[in-house]
Each structure stands twice: as C-alpha cells, then as structure tokens.
C-alpha cells in the first residue's frame, strides 16, 4: 500500500465565498466546487475548503507548505493585496531551524506556514 496524497479539510470561517476568493487571490485554483465543500490546488498541494465556522478550532489549526522561493511567495501575498481585501495578515520572512518561513493567517484564522528549505 502507498499513500498517494494528503488533503486536509480547512475551515472556511463565517464566509465561505470570501474564503474561496482569498485562496484564489493567493494563487490556488479551484479544482471542484460542491455545496459545503470545494477543492483547491496549487501544484502538488491540495486541500478541501469546508463550510465550517469554529473560531477556536481555526485559530489552533496550522498547515505547512514547502515552497522553492520564500521571497516570491511573500511578494505574491503583497501583490494580491490580501491585507486590504480580506483583513488577513502575514509576517516578515523569519529564519527557523527548518528553513525560511512566512506565516499567513487566512480569513478563518488558520495559520499557513510557507517554508523554504
């Protein structure tokens, strides 16, 4: 047996449509769309956005994504204007023992760790 993929269910927060717009803005593509779930993909990275609003859960949920260029990744966040459009935030580039990292908080409160290294 082989594991073929890992696709976490990510909470949308109170506004599913706003969450969809956010992930499209940062470069994900919508793979499929259902009523309360939809699939997003960027390269080999996939996740399922779930219509689910639980602030405590979302603010304690974290996802790590490996990237080849952390500077380009952060620049994408700046150019997509996510702070103004969605009220989200992201960090400066930080040096961690496992590589360079930028944290992005999505509209639901989930922390996405984008890591080069």
N, C-alpha and C. Protein backbone atom coordinates (compact mmCIF):
# COMPACT_ATOMS: atom_id res chain seq x y z
N UNK A 1 0.83 -1.18 0.00
CA UNK A 1 0.00 0.00 0.00
C UNK A 1 0.88 1.25 0.00
N UNK A 2 0.45 2.26 -0.75
CA UNK A 2 1.12 3.55 -0.77
C UNK A 2 0.12 4.64 -0.42
N UNK A 3 0.58 5.66 0.28
CA UNK A 3 -0.23 6.86 0.47
C UNK A 3 -0.02 7.71 -0.77
N UNK A 4 -1.08 8.21 -1.36
CA UNK A 4 -0.97 8.96 -2.61
C UNK A 4 -1.09 10.46 -2.42
N UNK A 5 -1.82 10.88 -1.40
CA UNK A 5 -1.92 12.32 -1.15
C UNK A 5 -2.43 12.57 0.26
N UNK A 6 -2.28 13.78 0.68
CA UNK A 6 -2.81 14.25 1.95
C UNK A 6 -3.56 15.54 1.65
N UNK A 7 -4.85 15.57 1.92
CA UNK A 7 -5.68 16.73 1.61
C UNK A 7 -6.50 17.11 2.83
N UNK A 8 -5.97 18.00 3.66
CA UNK A 8 -6.70 18.37 4.88
C UNK A 8 -7.97 19.16 4.58
N UNK A 9 -8.93 19.01 5.46
CA UNK A 9 -10.14 19.82 5.42
C UNK A 9 -9.85 21.09 6.21
N UNK A 10 -10.00 22.23 5.55
CA UNK A 10 -9.69 23.53 6.14
C UNK A 10 -11.00 24.29 6.36
N UNK A 11 -11.20 24.84 7.56
CA UNK A 11 -12.45 25.56 7.82
C UNK A 11 -12.50 26.88 7.06
N UNK A 12 -13.68 27.22 6.58
CA UNK A 12 -13.85 28.46 5.81
C UNK A 12 -14.01 29.68 6.70
N UNK A 13 -14.45 29.49 7.94
CA UNK A 13 -14.83 30.62 8.76
C UNK A 13 -16.26 31.01 8.42
N UNK A 14 -16.67 32.20 8.83
CA UNK A 14 -18.08 32.58 8.67
C UNK A 14 -18.54 32.83 7.24
N UNK A 15 -17.61 33.06 6.31
CA UNK A 15 -17.99 33.44 4.95
C UNK A 15 -17.26 32.55 3.94
N UNK A 16 -17.94 31.52 3.48
CA UNK A 16 -17.34 30.55 2.54
C UNK A 16 -16.91 31.24 1.24
N UNK A 17 -17.72 32.13 0.70
CA UNK A 17 -17.38 32.80 -0.56
C UNK A 17 -16.15 33.68 -0.41
N UNK A 18 -16.04 34.37 0.71
CA UNK A 18 -14.86 35.20 0.97
C UNK A 18 -13.61 34.32 1.07
N UNK A 19 -13.75 33.16 1.72
CA UNK A 19 -12.62 32.24 1.83
C UNK A 19 -12.19 31.75 0.45
N UNK A 20 -13.14 31.41 -0.40
CA UNK A 20 -12.81 30.98 -1.76
C UNK A 20 -12.05 32.08 -2.50
N UNK A 21 -12.53 33.30 -2.43
CA UNK A 21 -11.87 34.43 -3.09
C UNK A 21 -10.45 34.62 -2.58
N UNK A 22 -10.26 34.45 -1.28
CA UNK A 22 -8.94 34.59 -0.68
C UNK A 22 -7.96 33.58 -1.28
N UNK A 23 -8.35 32.31 -1.32
CA UNK A 23 -7.43 31.29 -1.82
C UNK A 23 -7.15 31.44 -3.31
N UNK A 24 -8.13 31.91 -4.06
CA UNK A 24 -7.88 32.22 -5.47
C UNK A 24 -6.89 33.38 -5.59
N UNK A 25 -7.02 34.38 -4.73
CA UNK A 25 -6.14 35.56 -4.76
C UNK A 25 -4.68 35.21 -4.49
N UNK A 26 -4.45 34.20 -3.64
CA UNK A 26 -3.04 33.87 -3.33
C UNK A 26 -2.48 32.80 -4.27
N UNK A 27 -3.26 32.40 -5.27
CA UNK A 27 -2.69 31.55 -6.31
C UNK A 27 -3.23 30.14 -6.42
N UNK A 28 -4.11 29.73 -5.52
CA UNK A 28 -4.69 28.39 -5.64
C UNK A 28 -5.73 28.40 -6.76
N UNK A 29 -5.95 27.23 -7.35
CA UNK A 29 -7.00 27.04 -8.36
C UNK A 29 -8.12 26.22 -7.73
N UNK A 30 -9.33 26.54 -8.13
CA UNK A 30 -10.49 25.78 -7.68
C UNK A 30 -10.61 24.53 -8.55
N UNK A 31 -10.44 23.35 -7.95
CA UNK A 31 -10.48 22.08 -8.69
C UNK A 31 -11.90 21.58 -8.87
N UNK A 32 -12.71 21.73 -7.85
CA UNK A 32 -14.10 21.31 -7.89
C UNK A 32 -14.86 22.09 -6.83
N UNK A 33 -16.17 22.21 -6.99
CA UNK A 33 -16.97 23.00 -6.08
C UNK A 33 -18.27 22.28 -5.78
N UNK A 34 -18.51 22.01 -4.51
CA UNK A 34 -19.75 21.42 -4.03
C UNK A 34 -20.50 22.44 -3.20
N UNK A 35 -21.52 22.02 -2.54
CA UNK A 35 -22.33 22.95 -1.76
C UNK A 35 -21.57 23.46 -0.53
N UNK A 36 -21.10 22.54 0.30
CA UNK A 36 -20.42 22.92 1.54
C UNK A 36 -18.93 22.59 1.53
N UNK A 37 -18.41 22.13 0.41
CA UNK A 37 -17.00 21.76 0.27
C UNK A 37 -16.52 22.16 -1.11
N UNK A 38 -15.24 22.46 -1.22
CA UNK A 38 -14.64 22.66 -2.53
C UNK A 38 -13.16 22.32 -2.45
N UNK A 39 -12.59 21.92 -3.57
CA UNK A 39 -11.20 21.53 -3.61
C UNK A 39 -10.33 22.61 -4.23
N UNK A 40 -9.19 22.84 -3.61
CA UNK A 40 -8.22 23.79 -4.12
C UNK A 40 -6.90 23.08 -4.36
N UNK A 41 -6.15 23.60 -5.34
CA UNK A 41 -4.86 23.01 -5.68
C UNK A 41 -3.91 24.09 -6.15
N UNK A 42 -2.64 23.91 -5.80
CA UNK A 42 -1.54 24.73 -6.31
C UNK A 42 -0.38 23.77 -6.48
N UNK A 43 -0.05 23.43 -7.72
CA UNK A 43 0.97 22.41 -7.95
C UNK A 43 0.52 21.09 -7.35
N UNK A 44 1.37 20.50 -6.52
CA UNK A 44 1.04 19.23 -5.88
C UNK A 44 0.31 19.40 -4.55
N UNK A 45 0.09 20.63 -4.12
CA UNK A 45 -0.57 20.89 -2.84
C UNK A 45 -2.07 21.01 -3.04
N UNK A 46 -2.82 20.22 -2.26
CA UNK A 46 -4.27 20.23 -2.34
C UNK A 46 -4.88 20.32 -0.95
N UNK A 47 -6.05 20.92 -0.88
CA UNK A 47 -6.82 20.89 0.35
C UNK A 47 -8.29 21.04 0.01
N UNK A 48 -9.13 20.71 0.97
CA UNK A 48 -10.57 20.82 0.82
C UNK A 48 -11.05 21.92 1.76
N UNK A 49 -11.64 22.95 1.19
CA UNK A 49 -12.22 24.02 1.99
C UNK A 49 -13.62 23.58 2.40
N UNK A 50 -13.85 23.58 3.69
CA UNK A 50 -15.12 23.11 4.24
C UNK A 50 -15.89 24.28 4.83
N UNK A 51 -17.17 24.35 4.53
CA UNK A 51 -18.02 25.37 5.13
C UNK A 51 -18.18 25.02 6.61
N UNK A 52 -17.33 25.62 7.41
CA UNK A 52 -17.27 25.30 8.83
C UNK A 52 -16.74 26.53 9.55
N UNK A 53 -17.44 26.98 10.56
CA UNK A 53 -17.06 28.18 11.30
C UNK A 53 -16.93 27.86 12.78
N UNK A 54 -15.70 27.65 13.20
CA UNK A 54 -15.39 27.44 14.60
C UNK A 54 -14.08 28.17 14.86
N UNK A 55 -14.20 29.37 15.39
CA UNK A 55 -13.04 30.25 15.56
C UNK A 55 -11.93 29.60 16.39
N UNK A 56 -12.30 28.96 17.48
CA UNK A 56 -11.29 28.34 18.34
C UNK A 56 -10.52 27.25 17.59
N UNK A 57 -11.24 26.42 16.84
CA UNK A 57 -10.58 25.39 16.05
C UNK A 57 -9.66 26.02 15.01
N UNK A 58 -10.19 26.96 14.23
CA UNK A 58 -9.43 27.58 13.14
C UNK A 58 -8.15 28.23 13.65
N UNK A 59 -8.24 28.92 14.77
CA UNK A 59 -7.08 29.64 15.29
C UNK A 59 -6.04 28.72 15.92
N UNK A 60 -6.35 27.43 16.02
CA UNK A 60 -5.40 26.45 16.52
C UNK A 60 -5.00 25.43 15.46
N UNK A 61 -5.40 25.69 14.23
CA UNK A 61 -5.10 24.79 13.11
C UNK A 61 -4.00 25.42 12.28
N UNK A 62 -2.97 24.63 11.95
CA UNK A 62 -1.85 25.14 11.17
C UNK A 62 -1.52 24.17 10.05
N UNK A 63 -1.08 24.73 8.94
CA UNK A 63 -0.68 23.94 7.78
C UNK A 63 0.67 24.45 7.31
N UNK A 64 1.55 23.52 6.97
CA UNK A 64 2.87 23.88 6.47
C UNK A 64 2.98 23.50 4.99
N UNK A 65 3.45 24.44 4.19
CA UNK A 65 3.63 24.23 2.76
C UNK A 65 5.07 24.57 2.40
N UNK A 66 5.75 23.65 1.76
CA UNK A 66 7.11 23.90 1.30
C UNK A 66 7.06 24.65 -0.03
N UNK A 67 7.89 25.67 -0.15
CA UNK A 67 7.98 26.46 -1.38
C UNK A 67 9.44 26.52 -1.80
N UNK A 68 9.65 26.81 -3.09
CA UNK A 68 11.03 26.88 -3.58
C UNK A 68 11.62 28.28 -3.45
N UNK A 69 10.79 29.30 -3.26
CA UNK A 69 11.28 30.68 -3.19
C UNK A 69 10.40 31.47 -2.23
N UNK A 70 10.88 31.64 -1.01
CA UNK A 70 10.08 32.32 0.02
C UNK A 70 9.90 33.80 -0.30
N UNK A 71 10.88 34.40 -0.96
CA UNK A 71 10.76 35.81 -1.33
C UNK A 71 9.62 36.01 -2.34
N UNK A 72 9.55 35.15 -3.34
CA UNK A 72 8.48 35.22 -4.33
C UNK A 72 7.12 34.94 -3.69
N UNK A 73 7.11 34.04 -2.75
CA UNK A 73 5.87 33.70 -2.03
C UNK A 73 5.34 34.92 -1.28
N UNK A 74 6.20 35.56 -0.52
CA UNK A 74 5.78 36.75 0.24
C UNK A 74 5.38 37.88 -0.71
N UNK A 75 6.10 38.02 -1.79
CA UNK A 75 5.77 39.05 -2.79
C UNK A 75 4.38 38.80 -3.37
N UNK A 76 4.02 37.54 -3.57
CA UNK A 76 2.68 37.19 -4.05
C UNK A 76 1.61 37.67 -3.08
N UNK A 77 1.86 37.51 -1.78
CA UNK A 77 0.90 37.98 -0.77
C UNK A 77 0.77 39.50 -0.82
N UNK A 78 1.89 40.18 -0.98
CA UNK A 78 1.87 41.65 -1.06
C UNK A 78 1.09 42.09 -2.30
N UNK A 79 1.41 41.51 -3.44
CA UNK A 79 0.77 41.90 -4.71
C UNK A 79 -0.70 41.53 -4.79
N UNK A 80 -1.11 40.50 -4.07
CA UNK A 80 -2.52 40.10 -4.09
C UNK A 80 -3.38 40.98 -3.19
N UNK A 81 -2.74 41.84 -2.40
CA UNK A 81 -3.43 42.81 -1.55
C UNK A 81 -4.36 42.15 -0.53
N UNK A 82 -3.97 40.98 -0.01
CA UNK A 82 -4.83 40.24 0.91
C UNK A 82 -5.08 40.98 2.21
N UNK A 83 -4.14 41.80 2.66
CA UNK A 83 -4.37 42.56 3.89
C UNK A 83 -5.59 43.46 3.74
N UNK A 84 -5.63 44.21 2.67
CA UNK A 84 -6.72 45.17 2.46
C UNK A 84 -8.01 44.46 2.05
N UNK A 85 -7.94 43.52 1.13
CA UNK A 85 -9.14 42.88 0.60
C UNK A 85 -9.82 41.93 1.58
N UNK A 86 -9.02 41.24 2.41
CA UNK A 86 -9.58 40.20 3.27
C UNK A 86 -9.32 40.40 4.76
N UNK A 87 -8.60 41.45 5.11
CA UNK A 87 -8.30 41.70 6.52
C UNK A 87 -7.37 40.67 7.13
N UNK A 88 -6.59 40.02 6.28
CA UNK A 88 -5.67 39.00 6.77
C UNK A 88 -4.30 39.61 6.99
N UNK A 89 -3.40 38.82 7.53
CA UNK A 89 -2.05 39.33 7.79
C UNK A 89 -1.02 38.24 7.50
N UNK A 90 0.20 38.70 7.26
CA UNK A 90 1.32 37.77 7.06
C UNK A 90 2.56 38.40 7.65
N UNK A 91 3.53 37.56 7.95
CA UNK A 91 4.73 38.00 8.64
C UNK A 91 5.83 38.39 7.66
N UNK A 92 6.85 38.98 8.22
CA UNK A 92 8.12 39.14 7.50
C UNK A 92 8.72 37.74 7.35
N UNK A 93 9.74 37.62 6.55
CA UNK A 93 10.45 36.35 6.42
C UNK A 93 11.23 36.11 7.71
N UNK A 94 11.04 34.93 8.27
CA UNK A 94 11.72 34.55 9.52
C UNK A 94 12.64 33.37 9.24
N UNK A 95 13.75 33.31 9.96
CA UNK A 95 14.67 32.18 9.84
C UNK A 95 14.39 31.22 10.98
N UNK A 96 14.01 30.00 10.61
CA UNK A 96 13.71 28.95 11.58
C UNK A 96 14.73 27.83 11.40
N UNK A 97 14.85 26.93 12.36
CA UNK A 97 15.80 25.82 12.21
C UNK A 97 15.52 24.96 10.98
N UNK A 98 14.28 24.93 10.53
CA UNK A 98 13.89 24.09 9.39
C UNK A 98 13.84 24.86 8.07
N UNK A 99 14.16 26.16 8.08
CA UNK A 99 14.19 26.93 6.84
C UNK A 99 13.60 28.32 7.02
N UNK A 100 13.57 29.08 5.95
CA UNK A 100 12.97 30.42 5.96
C UNK A 100 11.45 30.27 5.88
N UNK A 101 10.73 31.14 6.61
CA UNK A 101 9.29 30.96 6.73
C UNK A 101 8.55 32.29 6.70
N UNK A 102 7.36 32.25 6.09
CA UNK A 102 6.39 33.34 6.17
C UNK A 102 5.08 32.73 6.64
N UNK A 103 4.48 33.31 7.66
CA UNK A 103 3.19 32.84 8.15
C UNK A 103 2.10 33.75 7.59
N UNK A 104 1.03 33.12 7.11
CA UNK A 104 -0.12 33.82 6.57
C UNK A 104 -1.35 33.35 7.32
N UNK A 105 -2.12 34.28 7.85
CA UNK A 105 -3.36 33.95 8.54
C UNK A 105 -4.51 34.16 7.57
N UNK A 106 -5.29 33.09 7.33
CA UNK A 106 -6.40 33.19 6.38
C UNK A 106 -7.63 33.83 7.04
N UNK A 107 -8.69 34.10 6.30
CA UNK A 107 -9.86 34.78 6.87
C UNK A 107 -10.51 34.05 8.05
N UNK A 108 -10.38 32.74 8.12
CA UNK A 108 -10.97 31.99 9.24
C UNK A 108 -10.08 32.02 10.48
N UNK A 109 -8.78 32.33 10.29
CA UNK A 109 -7.84 32.34 11.41
C UNK A 109 -6.81 31.23 11.36
N UNK A 110 -6.86 30.39 10.31
CA UNK A 110 -5.88 29.30 10.15
C UNK A 110 -4.52 29.90 9.80
N UNK A 111 -3.48 29.36 10.42
CA UNK A 111 -2.11 29.82 10.15
C UNK A 111 -1.46 28.89 9.13
N UNK A 112 -1.11 29.47 7.99
CA UNK A 112 -0.43 28.74 6.92
C UNK A 112 1.06 29.09 7.01
N UNK A 113 1.90 28.09 7.19
CA UNK A 113 3.35 28.27 7.26
C UNK A 113 3.92 27.95 5.88
N UNK A 114 4.43 28.95 5.20
CA UNK A 114 5.09 28.77 3.91
C UNK A 114 6.59 28.73 4.20
N UNK A 115 7.22 27.61 3.86
CA UNK A 115 8.61 27.37 4.28
C UNK A 115 9.48 27.05 3.08
N UNK A 116 10.60 27.75 3.00
CA UNK A 116 11.64 27.43 2.01
C UNK A 116 12.75 26.70 2.73
N UNK A 117 13.16 25.60 2.18
CA UNK A 117 14.29 24.91 2.80
C UNK A 117 14.11 23.43 2.85
